[in-house]
C-alpha cells in the first residue's frame, strides 16, 4: 500500500531557490521524503502573484517530491474580505488539479491556517483523509485568538492535529475551545548538510569581506515591513560606532523599505559600518553566516525564525530580541544575548558585550543539533501518526 503525503502551502520556493518564500517548508519536506512513496506539494498561485514576487514559478520534481504551482483565478480582496469565496475558488482549483494529475494521498499537511488550513479542511471532506495544520504566524495568530476568528477556529476544530512552532502559544488554543491534546510544539529546523562550520577567513575572502581588521555582524531579513526591526539595528550600530571602529554590519534581504533604510544609514553617516547586499539564495546564506562573528535579529514580532537554528548550526552566537519563540531557543547566554524589542540602546549594549566575549562555537553547534531537520522530521512523523489514529477513531 502506497504512502503519499499532500502538502498545501501558499508560498513555496522555485526549483533554484531564487524565490525563497516558504524555504523552511521545502527543507522540511526534503527531510520527510524518505518516509513516503511520494510527496505532492500544491502551492496555489493566483494570477498576478508572480508579478508581485517578480519570478515565474514552474512545476518541478526532485527525488520523489512533485511540486505544482497551481495557477488559477482568485481576487485579492477575498484574501481579507469575503474569505469564503477565496476558500471556494482555491478549493475548486486544487480539486481539479488533483483529479487531472491522478494524485492519491493518505494525509494532508497544511502550512498556515489561512488560507491553506481552511482550504485543506474542505479537501478533507472530499477525499476523506486526516489533516495536520502547522500554524507559523505571530501577529496573525495573536489576532485570530483575540478576535476568536471563526475560520481559524473552525479549521483547528476540524483538523486532526495542530503543530505550533512556539511552545508558549499552545495555552491560547484552549481559550478558543481547542483541545490541547491535539496541539503539538515543533520548532523550525536547519539542514545540517548546508549549515555547518566552514572556514571563516576563506568565506570572508570569497565574499570580498575584510579578513582581519573588522568584526562582521550579520542580519538576514526581508524589508517588506518594519517587523524585522532594521531601523533599530541601524540605530544600535550608530551607538556601537561610538565605542568601536572595527565593526561592519551586513544586512541580507530586499523589499519596499530598502530605500528608507539606505537613507537612514546615510543620514547617520554609517556608510562604512553598514552594507545592504540585497537578496541572496538559500545556498549562499551559510557562507555569509560562517563569514560573520555575530548574527543579529532585532525583530519586533516573530514566530520561530529559521535563521536562528541556522546561525547556531554555524557556531555563531545569536543577538536578538525576546519575542516569539526566540527565548525558547536561546535558553542560555552561552548561545546568545536577548533584549526587549524596539530598544536600540539595549541592543547596542548586547552587541558590544558579544563582541568582547569569547564564544565557544563548538558548544553552540552541538546545541543546535537539537533543531536539525532530521530530528524535527521525526517529531512531525509522530504527529502524523496521532492525526491518523484520531481520524480513524472518529
Protein backbone atom coordinates (compact mmCIF):
# COMPACT_ATOMS: atom_id res chain seq x y z
CA UNK A 1 0.00 0.00 0.00
CA UNK A 2 1.41 3.35 -1.02
CA UNK A 3 2.02 6.14 1.46
CA UNK A 4 1.68 9.55 -0.11
CA UNK A 5 1.63 12.97 1.54
CA UNK A 6 -0.11 16.06 0.14
CA UNK A 7 1.33 19.40 1.28
CA UNK A 8 -0.71 22.57 0.77
CA UNK A 9 1.06 25.91 1.13
CA UNK A 10 0.57 29.29 -0.50
CA UNK A 11 4.29 30.03 -0.56
CA UNK A 12 6.96 27.67 -1.87
CA UNK A 13 10.38 28.20 -3.48
CA UNK A 14 11.11 27.67 -7.15
CA UNK A 15 13.49 24.93 -8.29
CA UNK A 16 16.65 27.04 -7.88
CA UNK A 17 15.51 28.72 -4.64
CA UNK A 18 15.75 32.14 -6.24
CA UNK A 19 12.39 32.88 -4.67
CA UNK A 20 12.77 31.66 -1.06
CA UNK A 21 9.29 32.28 0.32
CA UNK A 22 8.43 29.15 2.33
CA UNK A 23 12.00 27.82 2.14
CA UNK A 24 11.58 26.22 5.58
CA UNK A 25 8.64 24.21 4.21
CA UNK A 26 10.80 22.95 1.36
CA UNK A 27 13.56 21.98 3.78
CA UNK A 28 11.06 20.17 5.98
CA UNK A 29 9.58 18.29 3.02
CA UNK A 30 13.05 17.23 1.86
CA UNK A 31 13.67 15.54 5.20
CA UNK A 32 10.28 13.83 5.19
CA UNK A 33 10.66 12.39 1.71
CA UNK A 34 12.33 9.13 2.75
CA UNK A 35 9.26 8.16 4.77
CA UNK A 36 6.81 8.40 1.85
CA UNK A 37 6.49 6.91 -1.61
CA UNK A 38 5.58 10.34 -2.95
CA UNK A 39 5.10 13.83 -1.58
CA UNK A 40 2.91 16.17 -3.59
CA UNK A 41 3.26 19.89 -2.93
CA UNK A 42 0.49 22.11 -4.27
CA UNK A 43 1.22 25.82 -3.96
CA UNK A 44 -1.74 27.82 -5.33
CA UNK A 45 -0.62 30.89 -7.27
CA UNK A 46 -3.47 33.30 -8.10
CA UNK A 47 -2.92 35.10 -11.38
CA UNK A 48 -0.93 38.28 -10.72
CA UNK A 49 1.03 37.00 -7.71
CA UNK A 50 4.04 36.12 -9.86
CA UNK A 51 4.21 39.77 -10.90
CA UNK A 52 4.41 40.76 -7.23
CA UNK A 53 7.01 38.07 -6.50
CA UNK A 54 8.94 39.04 -9.63
CA UNK A 55 9.54 35.44 -10.64
CA UNK A 56 7.86 32.87 -12.84
CA UNK A 57 7.24 29.66 -10.93
CA UNK A 58 7.12 26.43 -12.92
CA UNK A 59 6.28 22.90 -11.75
CA UNK A 60 9.26 20.68 -10.94
CA UNK A 61 10.22 17.32 -9.45
CA UNK A 62 13.14 16.44 -7.20
CA UNK A 63 13.60 12.97 -5.76
CA UNK A 64 10.06 11.75 -5.01
CA UNK A 65 8.72 15.26 -4.39
CA UNK A 66 6.35 16.69 -7.01
CA UNK A 67 5.83 20.46 -6.84
CA UNK A 68 2.84 22.05 -8.54
CA UNK A 69 2.41 25.81 -8.75
CA UNK A 70 -1.31 25.92 -9.35
CA UNK A 71 -2.16 28.94 -11.50
CA UNK A 72 -5.80 29.88 -11.01
CA UNK A 73 -8.20 32.82 -10.83
CA UNK A 74 -8.86 34.44 -7.47
CA UNK A 75 -9.34 38.01 -6.30
CA UNK A 76 -7.02 39.77 -3.80
CA UNK A 77 -9.90 41.38 -1.91
CA UNK A 78 -11.19 37.91 -0.96
CA UNK A 79 -7.97 37.22 0.98
CA UNK A 80 -9.15 39.56 3.74
CA UNK A 81 -12.80 40.17 2.87
CA UNK A 82 -15.16 37.54 1.56
CA UNK A 83 -12.81 34.79 2.67
CA UNK A 84 -15.35 32.04 2.00
CA UNK A 85 -15.11 33.00 -1.67
CA UNK A 86 -11.31 32.63 -1.53
CA UNK A 87 -11.66 29.19 0.05
CA UNK A 88 -14.19 28.11 -2.57
CA UNK A 89 -12.10 29.25 -5.55
CA UNK A 90 -8.85 27.78 -4.21
CA UNK A 91 -10.50 24.50 -3.19
CA UNK A 92 -12.12 24.11 -6.60
CA UNK A 93 -8.82 24.72 -8.40
CA UNK A 94 -6.93 22.25 -6.18
CA UNK A 95 -9.53 19.51 -6.64
CA UNK A 96 -9.35 19.92 -10.41
CA UNK A 97 -5.55 19.67 -10.24
CA UNK A 98 -5.66 16.57 -8.04
CA UNK A 99 -8.09 14.87 -10.41
CA UNK A 100 -6.17 15.90 -13.52
CA UNK A 101 -2.86 14.56 -12.17
CA UNK A 102 -4.49 11.48 -10.62
CA UNK A 103 -2.92 12.18 -7.24
CA UNK A 104 -3.54 9.69 -4.44
CA UNK A 105 -2.62 10.57 -0.86
CA UNK A 106 -3.19 9.38 2.70
CA UNK A 107 -2.63 12.59 4.62
CA UNK A 108 -2.73 16.37 4.11
CA UNK A 109 -0.30 18.74 5.80
CA UNK A 110 -1.30 22.40 5.51
CA UNK A 111 1.18 25.15 6.32
CA UNK A 112 -0.53 28.19 7.85
CA UNK A 113 -4.15 28.07 8.94
CA UNK A 114 -5.14 30.79 6.49
CA UNK A 115 -5.72 30.06 3.73
CA UNK A 116 -4.06 26.63 3.37
CA UNK A 117 -5.53 25.10 6.52
CA UNK A 118 -9.04 26.36 5.80
CA UNK A 119 -8.86 25.01 2.25
CA UNK A 120 -7.45 21.68 3.45
CA UNK A 121 -10.45 21.18 5.71
CA UNK A 122 -12.63 21.37 2.60
CA UNK A 123 -10.33 18.86 0.87
CA UNK A 124 -10.70 16.56 3.87
CA UNK A 125 -14.45 16.42 3.24
CA UNK A 126 -13.86 15.50 -0.40
CA UNK A 127 -11.05 12.95 -0.04
CA UNK A 128 -11.69 11.60 3.48
CA UNK A 129 -8.10 11.83 4.78
CA UNK A 130 -6.66 13.31 8.01
CA UNK A 131 -5.35 16.88 8.06
CA UNK A 132 -2.46 18.35 10.06
CA UNK A 133 -2.10 22.14 10.20
CA UNK A 134 1.13 23.93 11.11
CA UNK A 135 0.50 27.50 12.28
CA UNK A 136 3.62 29.59 11.65
CA UNK A 137 2.46 33.17 12.12
CA UNK A 138 2.95 35.53 15.03
CA UNK A 139 0.76 38.62 14.59
CA UNK A 140 -1.91 36.79 12.59
CA UNK A 141 -2.12 34.03 15.21
CA UNK A 142 -2.50 36.56 18.02
CA UNK A 143 -5.28 38.39 16.18
CA UNK A 144 -7.08 35.12 15.41
CA UNK A 145 -7.09 34.21 19.10
CA UNK A 146 -8.10 37.68 20.30
CA UNK A 147 -10.88 38.04 17.73
CA UNK A 148 -11.97 34.41 18.01
CA UNK A 149 -11.71 34.26 14.23
CA UNK A 150 -14.38 31.79 13.06
CA UNK A 151 -12.40 30.47 10.08
CA UNK A 152 -9.32 29.78 12.20
CA UNK A 153 -11.35 28.15 14.97
CA UNK A 154 -13.33 26.00 12.51
CA UNK A 155 -10.09 24.89 10.82
CA UNK A 156 -8.46 23.97 14.14
CA UNK A 157 -11.53 22.10 15.38
CA UNK A 158 -11.94 20.24 12.09
CA UNK A 159 -8.33 19.17 11.59
CA UNK A 160 -6.83 16.12 13.26
CA UNK A 161 -3.60 17.65 14.60
CA UNK A 162 -2.11 21.10 15.02
CA UNK A 163 1.60 21.92 15.08
CA UNK A 164 2.60 25.21 16.69
CA UNK A 165 6.17 26.43 16.27
CA UNK A 166 6.14 28.34 19.55
CA UNK A 167 5.61 26.42 22.79
CA UNK A 168 4.40 29.45 24.73
CA UNK A 169 1.40 29.86 22.40
CA UNK A 170 -0.11 26.43 22.94
CA UNK A 171 -2.10 27.51 26.00
CA UNK A 172 -4.01 30.06 23.89
CA UNK A 173 -5.75 27.35 21.88
CA UNK A 174 -7.68 26.38 24.98
CA UNK A 175 -9.19 29.89 25.18
CA UNK A 176 -10.98 29.35 21.86
CA UNK A 177 -12.21 25.86 22.63
CA UNK A 178 -9.46 23.78 21.04
CA UNK A 179 -8.39 20.67 22.95
CA UNK A 180 -4.73 20.95 23.88
CA UNK A 181 -4.39 17.22 23.26
CA UNK A 182 -4.36 17.90 19.51
CA UNK A 183 -1.75 20.71 19.67
CA UNK A 184 1.95 19.82 19.41
CA UNK A 185 5.05 22.02 19.74
CA UNK A 186 7.61 21.54 16.98
CA UNK A 187 10.01 24.40 16.12
CA UNK A 188 11.60 25.05 12.75
CA UNK A 189 14.90 23.39 11.96
CA UNK A 190 18.02 23.56 9.81
CA UNK A 191 19.70 21.37 7.21
CA UNK A 192 22.98 20.15 8.71
CA UNK A 193 24.24 19.38 5.19
CA UNK A 194 24.12 23.13 4.39
CA UNK A 195 24.52 24.88 7.71
CA UNK A 196 27.76 23.76 9.32
CA UNK A 197 31.14 25.10 10.29
CA UNK A 198 33.14 26.39 7.31
CA UNK A 199 36.49 28.13 7.17
CA UNK A 200 35.67 31.69 8.26
CA UNK A 201 38.59 33.55 6.61
CA UNK A 202 38.01 31.66 3.35
CA UNK A 203 34.31 32.59 3.43
CA UNK A 204 35.22 36.23 4.01
CA UNK A 205 37.67 36.11 1.13
CA UNK A 206 35.04 34.58 -1.14
CA UNK A 207 32.61 37.40 -0.26
CA UNK A 208 35.27 40.14 -0.53
CA UNK A 209 34.91 40.99 3.15
CA UNK A 210 37.74 42.24 5.39
CA UNK A 211 39.52 39.26 6.90
CA UNK A 212 41.43 40.57 9.92
CA UNK A 213 40.58 44.17 10.72
CA UNK A 214 36.80 44.03 11.01
CA UNK A 215 34.23 42.27 13.18
CA UNK A 216 31.44 41.14 10.86
CA UNK A 217 27.85 41.39 12.11
CA UNK A 218 25.15 39.75 10.00
CA UNK A 219 21.41 40.19 9.71
CA UNK A 220 19.13 38.25 7.35
CA UNK A 221 15.61 39.58 6.97
CA UNK A 222 13.42 40.94 4.22
CA UNK A 223 12.47 44.59 4.24
CA UNK A 224 8.78 44.41 3.42
CA UNK A 225 7.61 45.93 6.71
CA UNK A 226 9.11 47.20 9.95
CA UNK A 227 8.53 43.97 11.88
CA UNK A 228 12.13 42.81 11.35
CA UNK A 229 13.42 45.82 13.31
CA UNK A 230 16.05 47.02 10.82
CA UNK A 231 15.51 50.62 11.95
CA UNK A 232 16.61 49.71 15.48
CA UNK A 233 19.59 47.76 14.23
CA UNK A 234 20.84 50.82 12.36
CA UNK A 235 20.35 52.96 15.46
CA UNK A 236 22.22 50.37 17.52
CA UNK A 237 25.17 50.32 15.10
CA UNK A 238 25.29 54.10 15.34
CA UNK A 239 25.77 53.68 19.10
CA UNK A 240 28.28 50.83 18.69
CA UNK A 241 30.33 53.06 16.37
CA UNK A 242 31.00 55.43 19.30
CA UNK A 243 32.82 52.63 21.14
CA UNK A 244 34.38 50.54 18.38
CA UNK A 245 35.80 51.33 14.96
CA UNK A 246 36.20 47.75 13.76
CA UNK A 247 32.56 46.82 13.05
CA UNK A 248 30.93 46.07 9.71
CA UNK A 249 27.24 45.12 9.73
CA UNK A 250 25.87 43.29 6.70
CA UNK A 251 22.11 43.11 6.00
CA UNK A 252 20.84 40.48 3.56
CA UNK A 253 17.36 40.96 2.15
CA UNK A 254 15.26 43.19 -0.01
CA UNK A 255 11.87 44.86 0.00
CA UNK A 256 10.00 48.14 -0.23
CA UNK A 257 11.68 49.62 2.88
CA UNK A 258 15.18 49.33 1.48
CA UNK A 259 15.34 52.95 0.25
CA UNK A 260 14.22 54.23 3.65
CA UNK A 261 16.87 52.16 5.39
CA UNK A 262 19.57 53.34 2.98
CA UNK A 263 18.52 56.92 3.72
CA UNK A 264 18.72 56.28 7.47
CA UNK A 265 22.22 54.83 7.04
CA UNK A 266 23.35 57.88 5.04
CA UNK A 267 21.78 60.33 7.49
CA UNK A 268 23.64 58.72 10.38
CA UNK A 269 26.88 58.57 8.42
CA UNK A 270 27.15 54.79 8.65
CA UNK A 271 28.13 54.03 5.06
CA UNK A 272 31.41 52.49 6.24
CA UNK A 273 29.79 50.50 9.05
CA UNK A 274 26.76 49.06 7.26
CA UNK A 275 26.20 47.38 3.91
CA UNK A 276 22.90 46.30 2.36
CA UNK A 277 23.77 43.50 -0.04
CA UNK A 278 20.29 42.57 -1.30
CA UNK A 279 18.73 39.15 -1.74
CA UNK A 280 20.89 36.03 -1.55
CA UNK A 281 19.92 32.45 -2.33
CA UNK A 282 19.43 29.93 0.46
CA UNK A 283 22.56 28.14 -0.74
CA UNK A 284 24.62 31.32 -0.26
CA UNK A 285 23.42 32.08 3.27
CA UNK A 286 25.71 29.51 5.02
CA UNK A 287 28.75 31.22 3.50
CA UNK A 288 27.65 34.60 4.87
CA UNK A 289 26.89 33.09 8.27
CA UNK A 290 30.32 31.49 8.51
CA UNK A 291 31.91 34.78 7.46
CA UNK A 292 30.32 36.65 10.36
CA UNK A 293 31.31 36.89 14.00
CA UNK A 294 27.84 37.56 15.40
CA UNK A 295 24.34 37.11 13.99
CA UNK A 296 21.72 39.74 14.86
CA UNK A 297 17.92 39.61 14.56
CA UNK A 298 16.18 42.64 16.14
CA UNK A 299 12.61 41.59 15.25
CA UNK A 300 9.59 43.26 16.82
CA UNK A 301 7.49 40.11 16.33
CA UNK A 302 8.44 36.54 15.41
CA UNK A 303 7.09 33.03 15.25
CA UNK A 304 10.13 30.76 15.22
CA UNK A 305 12.67 32.16 12.74
CA UNK A 306 14.59 29.55 10.75
CA UNK A 307 17.69 31.76 10.66
CA UNK A 308 18.04 31.17 14.40
CA UNK A 309 18.92 27.45 14.37
CA UNK A 310 20.79 28.01 11.10
CA UNK A 311 23.19 30.55 12.60
CA UNK A 312 23.68 28.38 15.71
CA UNK A 313 24.49 25.42 13.46
CA UNK A 314 27.34 27.51 12.03
CA UNK A 315 28.57 28.13 15.57
CA UNK A 316 27.62 31.80 15.60
CA UNK A 317 26.17 33.49 18.69
CA UNK A 318 22.70 34.98 18.27
CA UNK A 319 21.93 38.53 19.38
CA UNK A 320 18.28 39.48 19.24
CA UNK A 321 15.02 40.29 20.90
CA UNK A 322 12.88 38.46 23.41
CA UNK A 323 9.93 37.82 21.09
CA UNK A 324 8.03 34.82 19.71
CA UNK A 325 9.81 31.50 20.02
CA UNK A 326 13.30 33.04 20.26
CA UNK A 327 13.59 32.76 24.08
CA UNK A 328 12.55 29.11 23.77
CA UNK A 329 15.70 28.51 21.69
CA UNK A 330 18.16 30.94 23.29
CA UNK A 331 17.82 29.42 26.76
CA UNK A 332 21.34 30.28 27.90
CA UNK A 333 23.77 33.16 27.42
CA UNK A 334 26.19 30.54 26.13
CA UNK A 335 24.25 30.69 22.85
CA UNK A 336 23.39 34.38 22.62
CA UNK A 337 22.02 37.51 24.26
CA UNK A 338 18.47 38.86 24.22
CA UNK A 339 16.80 42.19 24.96
CA UNK A 340 13.34 43.70 24.61
CA UNK A 341 12.27 44.70 21.08
CA UNK A 342 12.31 48.28 19.73
CA UNK A 343 15.13 49.25 22.08
CA UNK A 344 18.24 50.19 20.15
CA UNK A 345 20.20 51.17 23.29
CA UNK A 346 19.90 47.73 24.89
CA UNK A 347 20.52 46.10 21.51
CA UNK A 348 23.77 48.06 21.15
CA UNK A 349 24.83 47.02 24.67
CA UNK A 350 24.24 43.37 23.76
CA UNK A 351 26.30 43.78 20.59
CA UNK A 352 29.18 45.37 22.48
CA UNK A 353 29.06 42.66 25.15
CA UNK A 354 29.03 39.95 22.49
CA UNK A 355 31.98 41.50 20.66
CA UNK A 356 34.06 41.41 23.85
CA UNK A 357 33.15 37.82 24.73
CA UNK A 358 34.98 34.68 23.65
CA UNK A 359 32.28 32.31 22.42
CA UNK A 360 32.51 28.54 22.44
CA UNK A 361 31.46 27.89 18.85
CA UNK A 362 31.68 24.13 19.24
CA UNK A 363 29.25 24.23 22.15
CA UNK A 364 26.87 26.39 20.12
CA UNK A 365 26.99 23.95 17.18
CA UNK A 366 26.43 20.99 19.47
CA UNK A 367 23.35 22.63 20.98
CA UNK A 368 21.99 23.42 17.51
CA UNK A 369 21.81 19.71 16.67
CA UNK A 370 18.60 19.58 18.72
CA UNK A 371 16.98 21.52 15.88
CA UNK A 372 18.29 19.62 12.87
CA UNK A 373 15.62 18.78 10.31
CA UNK A 374 16.33 15.10 10.90
CA UNK A 375 15.15 15.43 14.50
CA UNK A 376 12.29 17.74 13.56
CA UNK A 377 11.08 15.34 10.83
CA UNK A 378 10.97 12.53 13.38
CA UNK A 379 8.73 14.63 15.62
CA UNK A 380 6.45 15.53 12.69
CA UNK A 381 6.03 11.87 11.77
CA UNK A 382 4.84 11.16 15.31
CA UNK A 383 2.20 13.88 14.91
CA UNK A 384 1.10 12.35 11.60
CA UNK A 385 0.57 9.02 13.36
CA UNK A 386 -1.50 10.70 16.07
CA UNK A 387 -3.54 12.52 13.41
CA UNK A 388 -4.25 9.28 11.53
CA UNK A 389 -5.17 7.44 14.72
CA UNK A 390 -7.59 10.15 15.85
CA UNK A 391 -9.07 10.39 12.35
CA UNK A 392 -9.72 6.65 12.24
CA UNK A 393 -11.29 6.67 15.69
CA UNK A 394 -13.88 9.29 14.76
